[in-house]
C-alpha atoms as a PDB file:
ATOM      1  CA  MET A   1      -9.359 -95.533 118.567  1.00  0.00           C
ATOM      2  CA  GLU A   2      -8.413 -96.634 115.036  1.00  0.00           C
ATOM      3  CA  ALA A   3      -6.786 -93.292 114.297  1.00  0.00           C
ATOM      4  CA  GLY A   4      -4.541 -93.676 117.324  1.00  0.00           C
ATOM      5  CA  LYS A   5      -3.525 -97.171 116.219  1.00  0.00           C
ATOM      6  CA  ARG A   6      -2.758 -95.975 112.687  1.00  0.00           C
ATOM      7  CA  ARG A   7      -0.592 -93.170 114.102  1.00  0.00           C
ATOM      8  CA  LEU A   8       1.325 -95.772 116.214  1.00  0.00           C
ATOM      9  CA  SER A   9       1.905 -97.968 113.221  1.00  0.00           C
ATOM     10  CA  ASP A  10       3.226 -95.090 111.070  1.00  0.00           C
ATOM     11  CA  ASP A  11       6.919 -93.989 111.062  1.00  0.00           C
ATOM     12  CA  THR A  12       7.433 -91.615 113.934  1.00  0.00           C
ATOM     13  CA  ALA A  13      10.792 -90.087 112.723  1.00  0.00           C
ATOM     14  CA  ARG A  14      11.180 -86.367 113.369  1.00  0.00           C
ATOM     15  CA  ALA A  15      12.416 -83.873 110.962  1.00  0.00           C
ATOM     16  CA  ALA A  16      13.944 -81.403 113.482  1.00  0.00           C
ATOM     17  CA  SER A  17      17.399 -79.986 112.577  1.00  0.00           C
ATOM     18  CA  THR A  18      20.129 -79.633 115.141  1.00  0.00           C
ATOM     19  CA  GLY A  19      19.591 -75.902 115.294  1.00  0.00           C
ATOM     20  CA  GLU A  20      15.932 -76.332 116.101  1.00  0.00           C
ATOM     21  CA  VAL A  21      16.538 -78.936 118.761  1.00  0.00           C
ATOM     22  CA  THR A  22      19.218 -76.434 120.242  1.00  0.00           C
ATOM     23  CA  ALA A  23      16.694 -73.698 120.246  1.00  0.00           C
ATOM     24  CA  LEU A  24      14.016 -75.798 121.854  1.00  0.00           C
ATOM     25  CA  ARG A  25      16.320 -76.851 124.622  1.00  0.00           C
ATOM     26  CA  ARG A  26      17.338 -73.318 125.232  1.00  0.00           C
ATOM     27  CA  GLU A  27      13.688 -72.199 125.448  1.00  0.00           C
ATOM     28  CA  ALA A  28      12.895 -75.182 127.746  1.00  0.00           C
ATOM     29  CA  ARG A  29      15.782 -74.143 130.005  1.00  0.00           C
ATOM     30  CA  GLU A  30      14.588 -70.328 130.025  1.00  0.00           C
ATOM     31  CA  LEU A  31      11.087 -71.561 130.815  1.00  0.00           C
ATOM     32  CA  LYS A  32      12.230 -73.558 133.706  1.00  0.00           C
ATOM     33  CA  GLU A  33      14.181 -70.587 135.175  1.00  0.00           C
ATOM     34  CA  VAL A  34      10.984 -68.441 134.859  1.00  0.00           C
ATOM     35  CA  VAL A  35       8.943 -71.085 136.688  1.00  0.00           C
ATOM     36  CA  ALA A  36      11.713 -71.218 139.376  1.00  0.00           C
ATOM     37  CA  GLU A  37      11.693 -67.521 139.949  1.00  0.00           C
ATOM     38  CA  GLN A  38       7.863 -67.320 139.927  1.00  0.00           C
ATOM     39  CA  THR A  39       7.764 -70.134 142.552  1.00  0.00           C
ATOM     40  CA  SER A  40      10.234 -68.310 144.716  1.00  0.00           C
ATOM     41  CA  VAL A  41       8.200 -65.090 144.579  1.00  0.00           C
ATOM     42  CA  LEU A  42       5.054 -66.860 145.461  1.00  0.00           C
ATOM     43  CA  ARG A  43       6.641 -68.515 148.353  1.00  0.00           C
ATOM     44  CA  LEU A  44       7.944 -65.258 149.620  1.00  0.00           C
ATOM     45  CA  LEU A  45       4.554 -63.686 149.300  1.00  0.00           C
ATOM     46  CA  LYS A  46       2.879 -66.418 151.052  1.00  0.00           C
ATOM     47  CA  LYS A  47       5.386 -66.287 153.936  1.00  0.00           C
ATOM     48  CA  SER A  48       4.955 -62.510 154.155  1.00  0.00           C
ATOM     49  CA  MET A  49       1.112 -62.931 154.254  1.00  0.00           C
ATOM     50  CA  ILE A  50       1.348 -65.536 157.063  1.00  0.00           C
ATOM     51  CA  GLY A  51       3.692 -63.189 158.982  1.00  0.00           C
ATOM     52  CA  ASP A  52       1.271 -60.278 158.498  1.00  0.00           C
ATOM     53  CA  GLY A  53      -1.567 -62.463 159.840  1.00  0.00           C
ATOM     54  CA  GLY A  54      -3.174 -62.636 156.384  1.00  0.00           C
ATOM     55  CA  ASP A  55      -5.142 -65.486 154.933  1.00  0.00           C
ATOM     56  CA  ILE A  56      -3.301 -67.649 152.370  1.00  0.00           C
ATOM     57  CA  GLU A  57      -6.273 -68.039 150.110  1.00  0.00           C
END
């Protein structure tokens, strides 16, 4: 608990450059797109299993 309090009292400034922030934002956007695509695929697969009479589990 003391270590957490000590961290909170320390300076929390970040040393990220503009380029690093831009790269991280781009990576986050790409990851969100991958998650959205995978979610769509899973929904389609579940629907096809239900249509075929398969079990969702």
